[in-house]
PDB file of all heavy atoms in Angstrom:
ATOM      1  N   LYS A   1      86.517 115.198  95.706  1.00  0.00           N
ATOM      2  CA  LYS A   1      86.479 113.879  95.070  1.00  0.00           C
ATOM      3  C   LYS A   1      85.479 113.847  93.918  1.00  0.00           C
ATOM      4  O   LYS A   1      85.782 113.346  92.826  1.00  0.00           O
ATOM      5  CB  LYS A   1      86.126 112.819  96.111  1.00  0.00           C
ATOM      6  CG  LYS A   1      86.146 111.402  95.578  1.00  0.00           C
ATOM      7  CD  LYS A   1      85.894 110.391  96.694  1.00  0.00           C
ATOM      8  CE  LYS A   1      85.962 108.967  96.170  1.00  0.00           C
ATOM      9  NZ  LYS A   1      85.721 107.972  97.258  1.00  0.00           N
ATOM     10  N   ASN A   2      84.297 114.401  94.150  1.00  0.00           N
ATOM     11  CA  ASN A   2      83.248 114.352  93.124  1.00  0.00           C
ATOM     12  C   ASN A   2      83.640 115.115  91.859  1.00  0.00           C
ATOM     13  O   ASN A   2      83.311 114.697  90.741  1.00  0.00           O
ATOM     14  CB  ASN A   2      81.940 114.923  93.674  1.00  0.00           C
ATOM     15  CG  ASN A   2      81.362 114.077  94.797  1.00  0.00           C
ATOM     16  OD1 ASN A   2      81.750 112.923  94.993  1.00  0.00           O
ATOM     17  ND2 ASN A   2      80.435 114.651  95.547  1.00  0.00           N
ATOM     18  N   LEU A   3      84.345 116.235  92.035  1.00  0.00           N
ATOM     19  CA  LEU A   3      84.709 117.084  90.907  1.00  0.00           C
ATOM     20  C   LEU A   3      86.112 116.786  90.380  1.00  0.00           C
ATOM     21  O   LEU A   3      86.577 117.436  89.434  1.00  0.00           O
ATOM     22  CB  LEU A   3      84.616 118.562  91.315  1.00  0.00           C
ATOM     23  CG  LEU A   3      83.229 119.073  91.695  1.00  0.00           C
ATOM     24  CD1 LEU A   3      83.314 120.474  92.289  1.00  0.00           C
ATOM     25  CD2 LEU A   3      82.310 119.065  90.471  1.00  0.00           C
ATOM     26  N   ASN A   4      86.794 115.820  91.019  1.00  0.00           N
ATOM     27  CA  ASN A   4      88.158 115.457  90.631  1.00  0.00           C
ATOM     28  C   ASN A   4      89.088 116.673  90.645  1.00  0.00           C
ATOM     29  O   ASN A   4      89.828 116.943  89.698  1.00  0.00           O
ATOM     30  CB  ASN A   4      88.185 114.800  89.252  1.00  0.00           C
ATOM     31  CG  ASN A   4      89.552 114.204  88.918  1.00  0.00           C
ATOM     32  OD1 ASN A   4      90.270 113.729  89.811  1.00  0.00           O
ATOM     33  ND2 ASN A   4      89.927 114.229  87.644  1.00  0.00           N
ATOM     34  N   ILE A   5      89.063 117.402  91.760  1.00  0.00           N
ATOM     35  CA  ILE A   5      89.932 118.573  91.881  1.00  0.00           C
ATOM     36  C   ILE A   5      90.897 118.471  93.064  1.00  0.00           C
ATOM     37  O   ILE A   5      91.821 119.275  93.178  1.00  0.00           O
ATOM     38  CB  ILE A   5      89.111 119.874  92.018  1.00  0.00           C
ATOM     39  CG1 ILE A   5      88.185 119.815  93.237  1.00  0.00           C
ATOM     40  CG2 ILE A   5      88.312 120.145  90.746  1.00  0.00           C
ATOM     41  CD1 ILE A   5      87.442 121.129  93.494  1.00  0.00           C
ATOM     42  N   LEU A   6      90.694 117.490  93.941  1.00  0.00           N
ATOM     43  CA  LEU A   6      91.541 117.338  95.116  1.00  0.00           C
ATOM     44  C   LEU A   6      91.736 115.855  95.399  1.00  0.00           C
ATOM     45  O   LEU A   6      90.765 115.115  95.505  1.00  0.00           O
ATOM     46  CB  LEU A   6      90.898 118.028  96.331  1.00  0.00           C
ATOM     47  CG  LEU A   6      91.666 117.987  97.650  1.00  0.00           C
ATOM     48  CD1 LEU A   6      92.980 118.743  97.525  1.00  0.00           C
ATOM     49  CD2 LEU A   6      90.813 118.592  98.775  1.00  0.00           C
ATOM     50  N   ASP A   7      92.999 115.440  95.491  1.00  0.00           N
ATOM     51  CA  ASP A   7      93.301 114.021  95.692  1.00  0.00           C
ATOM     52  C   ASP A   7      94.254 113.884  96.871  1.00  0.00           C
ATOM     53  O   ASP A   7      95.475 113.913  96.719  1.00  0.00           O
ATOM     54  CB  ASP A   7      93.919 113.439  94.415  1.00  0.00           C
ATOM     55  CG  ASP A   7      93.971 111.911  94.431  1.00  0.00           C
ATOM     56  OD1 ASP A   7      94.021 111.342  95.536  1.00  0.00           O
ATOM     57  OD2 ASP A   7      93.978 111.308  93.344  1.00  0.00           O
ATOM     58  N   MET A   8      93.690 113.750  98.066  1.00  0.00           N
ATOM     59  CA  MET A   8      94.494 113.631  99.276  1.00  0.00           C
ATOM     60  C   MET A   8      95.205 112.277  99.347  1.00  0.00           C
ATOM     61  O   MET A   8      96.312 112.177  99.874  1.00  0.00           O
ATOM     62  CB  MET A   8      93.630 113.836 100.522  1.00  0.00           C
ATOM     63  CG  MET A   8      92.977 115.209 100.627  1.00  0.00           C
ATOM     64  SD  MET A   8      94.145 116.599 100.651  1.00  0.00           S
ATOM     65  CE  MET A   8      95.034 116.289 102.192  1.00  0.00           C
ATOM     66  N   GLU A   9      94.557 111.223  98.807  1.00  0.00           N
ATOM     67  CA  GLU A   9      95.146 109.887  98.867  1.00  0.00           C
ATOM     68  C   GLU A   9      96.455 109.822  98.074  1.00  0.00           C
ATOM     69  O   GLU A   9      97.467 109.314  98.566  1.00  0.00           O
ATOM     70  CB  GLU A   9      94.164 108.838  98.342  1.00  0.00           C
ATOM     71  CG  GLU A   9      92.958 108.591  99.247  1.00  0.00           C
ATOM     72  CD  GLU A   9      91.907 109.688  99.143  1.00  0.00           C
ATOM     73  OE1 GLU A   9      91.989 110.515  98.207  1.00  0.00           O
ATOM     74  OE2 GLU A   9      91.009 109.728 100.018  1.00  0.00           O
ATOM     75  N   ARG A  10      96.442 110.334  96.855  1.00  0.00           N
ATOM     76  CA  ARG A  10      97.659 110.306  96.049  1.00  0.00           C
ATOM     77  C   ARG A  10      98.710 111.280  96.585  1.00  0.00           C
ATOM     78  O   ARG A  10      99.909 111.037  96.461  1.00  0.00           O
ATOM     79  CB  ARG A  10      97.330 110.586  94.582  1.00  0.00           C
ATOM     80  CG  ARG A  10      96.611 109.415  93.896  1.00  0.00           C
ATOM     81  CD  ARG A  10      96.573 109.590  92.393  1.00  0.00           C
ATOM     82  NE  ARG A  10      96.061 108.390  91.731  1.00  0.00           N
ATOM     83  CZ  ARG A  10      94.854 108.273  91.185  1.00  0.00           C
ATOM     84  NH1 ARG A  10      94.022 109.316  91.230  1.00  0.00           N
ATOM     85  NH2 ARG A  10      94.481 107.161  90.602  1.00  0.00           N
ATOM     86  N   GLY A  11      98.251 112.389  97.180  1.00  0.00           N
ATOM     87  CA  GLY A  11      99.198 113.288  97.834  1.00  0.00           C
ATOM     88  C   GLY A  11      99.929 112.580  98.953  1.00  0.00           C
ATOM     89  O   GLY A  11     101.147 112.728  99.122  1.00  0.00           O
ATOM     90  N   SER A  12      99.184 111.765  99.718  1.00  0.00           N
ATOM     91  CA  SER A  12      99.806 110.991 100.804  1.00  0.00           C
ATOM     92  C   SER A  12     100.766 109.941 100.255  1.00  0.00           C
ATOM     93  O   SER A  12     101.809 109.666 100.858  1.00  0.00           O
ATOM     94  CB  SER A  12      98.723 110.319 101.653  1.00  0.00           C
ATOM     95  OG  SER A  12      97.924 111.279 102.299  1.00  0.00           O
ATOM     96  N   LYS A  13     100.392 109.338  99.131  1.00  0.00           N
ATOM     97  CA  LYS A  13     101.269 108.340  98.514  1.00  0.00           C
ATOM     98  C   LYS A  13     102.605 108.961  98.104  1.00  0.00           C
ATOM     99  O   LYS A  13     103.662 108.343  98.243  1.00  0.00           O
ATOM    100  CB  LYS A  13     100.582 107.732  97.292  1.00  0.00           C
ATOM    101  CG  LYS A  13     101.411 106.656  96.591  1.00  0.00           C
ATOM    102  CD  LYS A  13     100.610 105.963  95.507  1.00  0.00           C
ATOM    103  CE  LYS A  13     100.241 106.881  94.372  1.00  0.00           C
ATOM    104  NZ  LYS A  13      99.568 106.176  93.255  1.00  0.00           N
ATOM    105  N   ILE A  14     102.565 110.195  97.650  1.00  0.00           N
ATOM    106  CA  ILE A  14     103.780 110.874  97.194  1.00  0.00           C
ATOM    107  C   ILE A  14     104.641 111.347  98.364  1.00  0.00           C
ATOM    108  O   ILE A  14     105.854 111.123  98.387  1.00  0.00           O
ATOM    109  CB  ILE A  14     103.411 112.089  96.314  1.00  0.00           C
ATOM    110  CG1 ILE A  14     102.701 111.633  95.045  1.00  0.00           C
ATOM    111  CG2 ILE A  14     104.655 112.907  95.954  1.00  0.00           C
ATOM    112  CD1 ILE A  14     102.040 112.772  94.277  1.00  0.00           C
ATOM    113  N   SER A  15     103.994 111.992  99.364  1.00  0.00           N
ATOM    114  CA  SER A  15     104.770 112.704 100.393  1.00  0.00           C
ATOM    115  C   SER A  15     104.401 112.355 101.824  1.00  0.00           C
ATOM    116  O   SER A  15     105.059 112.804 102.750  1.00  0.00           O
ATOM    117  CB  SER A  15     104.595 114.220 100.212  1.00  0.00           C
ATOM    118  OG  SER A  15     105.005 114.628  98.932  1.00  0.00           O
ATOM    119  N   GLY A  16     103.339 111.580 102.019  1.00  0.00           N
ATOM    120  CA  GLY A  16     102.850 111.316 103.362  1.00  0.00           C
ATOM    121  C   GLY A  16     101.623 112.165 103.635  1.00  0.00           C
ATOM    122  O   GLY A  16     101.223 113.013 102.833  1.00  0.00           O
ATOM    123  N   SER A  17     101.013 111.972 104.796  1.00  0.00           N
ATOM    124  CA  SER A  17      99.786 112.695 105.115  1.00  0.00           C
ATOM    125  C   SER A  17     100.075 114.190 105.287  1.00  0.00           C
ATOM    126  O   SER A  17     101.164 114.585 105.704  1.00  0.00           O
ATOM    127  CB  SER A  17      99.159 112.140 106.396  1.00  0.00           C
ATOM    128  OG  SER A  17     100.035 112.319 107.493  1.00  0.00           O
ATOM    129  N   GLY A  18      99.075 114.987 104.946  1.00  0.00           N
ATOM    130  CA  GLY A  18      99.221 116.422 105.115  1.00  0.00           C
ATOM    131  C   GLY A  18      99.817 117.141 103.926  1.00  0.00           C
ATOM    132  O   GLY A  18     100.207 118.305 104.046  1.00  0.00           O
ATOM    133  N   PHE A  19      99.878 116.474 102.772  1.00  0.00           N
ATOM    134  CA  PHE A  19     100.405 117.092 101.560  1.00  0.00           C
ATOM    135  C   PHE A  19      99.367 116.943 100.448  1.00  0.00           C
ATOM    136  O   PHE A  19      99.273 115.903  99.800  1.00  0.00           O
ATOM    137  CB  PHE A  19     101.722 116.450 101.136  1.00  0.00           C
ATOM    138  CG  PHE A  19     102.859 116.724 102.081  1.00  0.00           C
ATOM    139  CD1 PHE A  19     103.101 115.892 103.167  1.00  0.00           C
ATOM    140  CD2 PHE A  19     103.680 117.829 101.892  1.00  0.00           C
ATOM    141  CE1 PHE A  19     104.147 116.144 104.047  1.00  0.00           C
ATOM    142  CE2 PHE A  19     104.727 118.097 102.764  1.00  0.00           C
ATOM    143  CZ  PHE A  19     104.959 117.257 103.850  1.00  0.00           C
ATOM    144  N   PRO A  20      98.548 117.976 100.236  1.00  0.00           N
ATOM    145  CA  PRO A  20      97.457 117.864  99.254  1.00  0.00           C
ATOM    146  C   PRO A  20      97.961 117.844  97.819  1.00  0.00           C
ATOM    147  O   PRO A  20      98.995 118.433  97.497  1.00  0.00           O
ATOM    148  CB  PRO A  20      96.623 119.121  99.519  1.00  0.00           C
ATOM    149  CG  PRO A  20      97.574 120.095 100.137  1.00  0.00           C
ATOM    150  CD  PRO A  20      98.541 119.272 100.931  1.00  0.00           C
ATOM    151  N   LEU A  21      97.213 117.162  96.973  1.00  0.00           N
ATOM    152  CA  LEU A  21      97.478 117.128  95.535  1.00  0.00           C
ATOM    153  C   LEU A  21      96.285 117.776  94.844  1.00  0.00           C
ATOM    154  O   LEU A  21      95.176 117.241  94.855  1.00  0.00           O
ATOM    155  CB  LEU A  21      97.662 115.688  95.056  1.00  0.00           C
ATOM    156  CG  LEU A  21      98.003 115.499  93.571  1.00  0.00           C
ATOM    157  CD1 LEU A  21      99.408 116.005  93.272  1.00  0.00           C
ATOM    158  CD2 LEU A  21      97.880 114.022  93.183  1.00  0.00           C
ATOM    159  N   TYR A  22      96.505 118.958  94.286  1.00  0.00           N
ATOM    160  CA  TYR A  22      95.441 119.646  93.553  1.00  0.00           C
ATOM    161  C   TYR A  22      95.445 119.173  92.106  1.00  0.00           C
ATOM    162  O   TYR A  22      96.501 119.096  91.472  1.00  0.00           O
ATOM    163  CB  TYR A  22      95.658 121.156  93.605  1.00  0.00           C
ATOM    164  CG  TYR A  22      95.653 121.727  95.012  1.00  0.00           C
ATOM    165  CD1 TYR A  22      96.852 121.962  95.692  1.00  0.00           C
ATOM    166  CD2 TYR A  22      94.460 122.028  95.661  1.00  0.00           C
ATOM    167  CE1 TYR A  22      96.859 122.482  96.980  1.00  0.00           C
ATOM    168  CE2 TYR A  22      94.447 122.550  96.942  1.00  0.00           C
ATOM    169  CZ  TYR A  22      95.659 122.770  97.598  1.00  0.00           C
ATOM    170  OH  TYR A  22      95.656 123.287  98.872  1.00  0.00           O
ATOM    171  N   VAL A  23      94.276 118.883  91.583  1.00  0.00           N
ATOM    172  CA  VAL A  23      94.158 118.258  90.270  1.00  0.00           C
ATOM    173  C   VAL A  23      93.253 119.099  89.367  1.00  0.00           C
ATOM    174  O   VAL A  23      92.243 119.650  89.820  1.00  0.00           O
ATOM    175  CB  VAL A  23      93.566 116.831  90.393  1.00  0.00           C
ATOM    176  CG1 VAL A  23      93.438 116.177  89.028  1.00  0.00           C
ATOM    177  CG2 VAL A  23      94.428 115.982  91.324  1.00  0.00           C
ATOM    178  N   ASN A  24      93.624 119.194  88.074  1.00  0.00           N
ATOM    179  CA  ASN A  24      92.760 119.787  87.058  1.00  0.00           C
ATOM    180  C   ASN A  24      92.266 121.168  87.494  1.00  0.00           C
ATOM    181  O   ASN A  24      93.069 122.069  87.728  1.00  0.00           O
ATOM    182  CB  ASN A  24      91.605 118.821  86.756  1.00  0.00           C
ATOM    183  CG  ASN A  24      90.866 119.146  85.463  1.00  0.00           C
ATOM    184  OD1 ASN A  24      91.342 119.930  84.645  1.00  0.00           O
ATOM    185  ND2 ASN A  24      89.706 118.548  85.293  1.00  0.00           N
ATOM    186  N   HIS A  25      90.942 121.355  87.617  1.00  0.00           N
ATOM    187  CA  HIS A  25      90.421 122.669  87.980  1.00  0.00           C
ATOM    188  C   HIS A  25      90.754 123.046  89.423  1.00  0.00           C
ATOM    189  O   HIS A  25      90.700 124.234  89.774  1.00  0.00           O
ATOM    190  CB  HIS A  25      88.907 122.713  87.759  1.00  0.00           C
ATOM    191  CG  HIS A  25      88.509 122.565  86.324  1.00  0.00           C
ATOM    192  ND1 HIS A  25      89.034 123.342  85.320  1.00  0.00           N
ATOM    193  CD2 HIS A  25      87.644 121.707  85.709  1.00  0.00           C
ATOM    194  CE1 HIS A  25      88.512 122.996  84.156  1.00  0.00           C
ATOM    195  NE2 HIS A  25      87.671 121.990  84.360  1.00  0.00           N
ATOM    196  N   GLY A  26      91.093 122.078  90.248  1.00  0.00           N
ATOM    197  CA  GLY A  26      91.548 122.382  91.607  1.00  0.00           C
ATOM    198  C   GLY A  26      92.892 123.091  91.577  1.00  0.00           C
ATOM    199  O   GLY A  26      93.117 124.068  92.308  1.00  0.00           O
ATOM    200  N   ALA A  27      93.813 122.599  90.721  1.00  0.00           N
ATOM    201  CA  ALA A  27      95.107 123.252  90.571  1.00  0.00           C
ATOM    202  C   ALA A  27      94.934 124.654  89.993  1.00  0.00           C
ATOM    203  O   ALA A  27      95.606 125.607  90.409  1.00  0.00           O
ATOM    204  CB  ALA A  27      96.013 122.414  89.668  1.00  0.00           C
ATOM    205  N   ARG A  28      94.009 124.768  89.048  1.00  0.00           N
ATOM    206  CA  ARG A  28      93.767 126.069  88.431  1.00  0.00           C
ATOM    207  C   ARG A  28      93.142 127.049  89.428  1.00  0.00           C
ATOM    208  O   ARG A  28      93.467 128.237  89.436  1.00  0.00           O
ATOM    209  CB  ARG A  28      92.855 125.910  87.213  1.00  0.00           C
ATOM    210  CG  ARG A  28      92.733 127.173  86.374  1.00  0.00           C
ATOM    211  CD  ARG A  28      92.164 126.861  85.011  1.00  0.00           C
ATOM    212  NE  ARG A  28      92.167 128.039  84.165  1.00  0.00           N
ATOM    213  CZ  ARG A  28      91.900 128.014  82.865  1.00  0.00           C
ATOM    214  NH1 ARG A  28      91.625 126.857  82.269  1.00  0.00           N
ATOM    215  NH2 ARG A  28      91.912 129.126  82.159  1.00  0.00           N
TER     216      ARG A  28
END
């Protein structure tokens, strides 16, 4: 959360719980 590299909340919004959303340097 602090580094804006992992967004579990938006991953849950897209697919439900248990589906991580990697963001920016997290995806990289």
